[in-house]
Amino acid sequence: MMSHWNHRVIKRHDKKVHITTFQIHEVYYDDDNKIESWTASPVEPMGESMAELRKDLQYFVEALEKPVLEEKIQNGQEILVEINQSAR
């Protein structure tokens, strides 16, 4: 059961075109703070007012301050793992 979510930077490598990108996604956690799922596509800042947009942008800035996540395959299942600072 999902407990909470936040914005996180995910490093993705497109094997078809050999490009690595860093994108901001919504990441969802369970009650034990373990990653449960994440959005398939990156998200964009938005708001119904300038104040809401400004607040949403702040969440994106906060994502830049957290460890970067990377998609990996483990036991045939896609997971997110934190990568170390030097691998960014």
C-alpha atoms as a PDB file:
ATOM      1  CA  MET A   1       0.000   0.000   0.000  1.00  0.00           C
ATOM      2  CA  MET A   2       1.386   3.396  -0.995  1.00  0.00           C
ATOM      3  CA  SER A   3       2.324   5.595   1.928  1.00  0.00           C
ATOM      4  CA  HIS A   4       3.772   8.695   0.251  1.00  0.00           C
ATOM      5  CA  TRP A   5       5.529   9.999  -2.853  1.00  0.00           C
ATOM      6  CA  ASN A   6       8.007  12.653  -3.918  1.00  0.00           C
ATOM      7  CA  HIS A   7       9.856  13.909  -6.961  1.00  0.00           C
ATOM      8  CA  ARG A   8      13.180  12.207  -7.702  1.00  0.00           C
ATOM      9  CA  VAL A   9      15.788  12.391 -10.436  1.00  0.00           C
ATOM     10  CA  ILE A  10      16.054   9.142 -12.401  1.00  0.00           C
ATOM     11  CA  LYS A  11      19.004   8.395 -14.662  1.00  0.00           C
ATOM     12  CA  ARG A  12      17.899   6.486 -17.755  1.00  0.00           C
ATOM     13  CA  HIS A  13      19.911   4.978 -20.575  1.00  0.00           C
ATOM     14  CA  ASP A  14      18.186   4.505 -23.925  1.00  0.00           C
ATOM     15  CA  LYS A  15      19.968   1.514 -25.465  1.00  0.00           C
ATOM     16  CA  LYS A  16      18.400   2.098 -28.883  1.00  0.00           C
ATOM     17  CA  VAL A  17      19.980   5.523 -29.397  1.00  0.00           C
ATOM     18  CA  HIS A  18      22.772   5.262 -26.780  1.00  0.00           C
ATOM     19  CA  ILE A  19      21.733   8.370 -24.842  1.00  0.00           C
ATOM     20  CA  THR A  20      21.710   8.797 -21.071  1.00  0.00           C
ATOM     21  CA  THR A  21      19.302  11.351 -19.613  1.00  0.00           C
ATOM     22  CA  PHE A  22      18.368  12.603 -16.157  1.00  0.00           C
ATOM     23  CA  GLN A  23      14.624  13.123 -15.674  1.00  0.00           C
ATOM     24  CA  ILE A  24      12.353  14.042 -12.770  1.00  0.00           C
ATOM     25  CA  HIS A  25       9.647  11.485 -11.938  1.00  0.00           C
ATOM     26  CA  GLU A  26       7.127  10.913  -9.188  1.00  0.00           C
ATOM     27  CA  VAL A  27       8.370   8.036  -7.012  1.00  0.00           C
ATOM     28  CA  TYR A  28       5.942   6.184  -4.733  1.00  0.00           C
ATOM     29  CA  TYR A  29       6.940   4.510  -1.444  1.00  0.00           C
ATOM     30  CA  ASP A  30       5.352   1.924   0.847  1.00  0.00           C
ATOM     31  CA  ASP A  31       4.929   2.268   4.615  1.00  0.00           C
ATOM     32  CA  ASP A  32       8.525   1.047   5.112  1.00  0.00           C
ATOM     33  CA  ASN A  33       9.837   3.822   2.834  1.00  0.00           C
ATOM     34  CA  LYS A  34      10.755   1.313   0.109  1.00  0.00           C
ATOM     35  CA  ILE A  35      10.192   2.326  -3.503  1.00  0.00           C
ATOM     36  CA  GLU A  36       7.013   0.733  -4.760  1.00  0.00           C
ATOM     37  CA  SER A  37       6.605   2.354  -8.196  1.00  0.00           C
ATOM     38  CA  TRP A  38       7.334   5.438 -10.280  1.00  0.00           C
ATOM     39  CA  THR A  39       5.865   7.274 -13.238  1.00  0.00           C
ATOM     40  CA  ALA A  40       6.733   5.823 -16.642  1.00  0.00           C
ATOM     41  CA  SER A  41       7.258   9.291 -18.109  1.00  0.00           C
ATOM     42  CA  PRO A  42       8.963  12.305 -16.550  1.00  0.00           C
ATOM     43  CA  VAL A  43       6.733  14.922 -14.957  1.00  0.00           C
ATOM     44  CA  GLU A  44       6.667  18.671 -15.507  1.00  0.00           C
ATOM     45  CA  PRO A  45       6.023  21.534 -13.115  1.00  0.00           C
ATOM     46  CA  MET A  46       2.505  22.936 -13.127  1.00  0.00           C
ATOM     47  CA  GLY A  47       0.025  24.845 -11.009  1.00  0.00           C
ATOM     48  CA  GLU A  48      -3.347  26.532 -11.163  1.00  0.00           C
ATOM     49  CA  SER A  49      -1.705  29.781 -10.077  1.00  0.00           C
ATOM     50  CA  MET A  50       1.759  31.297 -10.119  1.00  0.00           C
ATOM     51  CA  ALA A  51       2.076  30.492  -6.406  1.00  0.00           C
ATOM     52  CA  GLU A  52       1.262  26.815  -7.034  1.00  0.00           C
ATOM     53  CA  LEU A  53       3.703  26.700  -9.943  1.00  0.00           C
ATOM     54  CA  ARG A  54       6.411  28.251  -7.761  1.00  0.00           C
ATOM     55  CA  LYS A  55       5.761  25.630  -5.037  1.00  0.00           C
ATOM     56  CA  ASP A  56       5.869  22.806  -7.582  1.00  0.00           C
ATOM     57  CA  LEU A  57       9.180  24.118  -8.915  1.00  0.00           C
ATOM     58  CA  GLN A  58      10.524  24.016  -5.354  1.00  0.00           C
ATOM     59  CA  TYR A  59       9.718  20.283  -5.211  1.00  0.00           C
ATOM     60  CA  PHE A  60      11.766  19.833  -8.396  1.00  0.00           C
ATOM     61  CA  VAL A  61      14.709  21.688  -6.829  1.00  0.00           C
ATOM     62  CA  GLU A  62      14.417  19.433  -3.765  1.00  0.00           C
ATOM     63  CA  ALA A  63      14.625  16.396  -6.080  1.00  0.00           C
ATOM     64  CA  LEU A  64      18.009  17.661  -7.294  1.00  0.00           C
ATOM     65  CA  GLU A  65      19.282  17.593  -3.711  1.00  0.00           C
ATOM     66  CA  LYS A  66      18.418  13.896  -3.178  1.00  0.00           C
ATOM     67  CA  PRO A  67      20.521  10.951  -4.425  1.00  0.00           C
ATOM     68  CA  VAL A  68      19.957  10.131  -8.096  1.00  0.00           C
ATOM     69  CA  LEU A  69      18.090   6.901  -8.831  1.00  0.00           C
ATOM     70  CA  GLU A  70      18.755   4.560 -11.739  1.00  0.00           C
ATOM     71  CA  GLU A  71      16.561   1.901 -13.311  1.00  0.00           C
ATOM     72  CA  LYS A  72      18.009  -1.608 -13.067  1.00  0.00           C
ATOM     73  CA  ILE A  73      16.715  -5.091 -13.816  1.00  0.00           C
ATOM     74  CA  GLN A  74      16.795  -7.475 -10.848  1.00  0.00           C
ATOM     75  CA  ASN A  75      15.352 -10.990 -11.122  1.00  0.00           C
ATOM     76  CA  GLY A  76      13.585  -9.917 -14.313  1.00  0.00           C
ATOM     77  CA  GLN A  77      11.900  -6.976 -12.602  1.00  0.00           C
ATOM     78  CA  GLU A  78      12.640  -3.275 -13.041  1.00  0.00           C
ATOM     79  CA  ILE A  79      13.746  -1.552  -9.821  1.00  0.00           C
ATOM     80  CA  LEU A  80      15.240   1.805  -8.833  1.00  0.00           C
ATOM     81  CA  VAL A  81      18.572   1.972  -7.019  1.00  0.00           C
ATOM     82  CA  GLU A  82      20.501   4.953  -5.673  1.00  0.00           C
ATOM     83  CA  ILE A  83      23.710   5.652  -7.551  1.00  0.00           C
ATOM     84  CA  ASN A  84      26.750   7.134  -5.887  1.00  0.00           C
ATOM     85  CA  GLN A  85      27.817  10.738  -6.406  1.00  0.00           C
ATOM     86  CA  SER A  86      30.736   9.892  -8.719  1.00  0.00           C
ATOM     87  CA  ALA A  87      28.451   7.931 -11.076  1.00  0.00           C
ATOM     88  CA  ARG A  88      26.304  10.976 -11.825  1.00  0.00           C
END
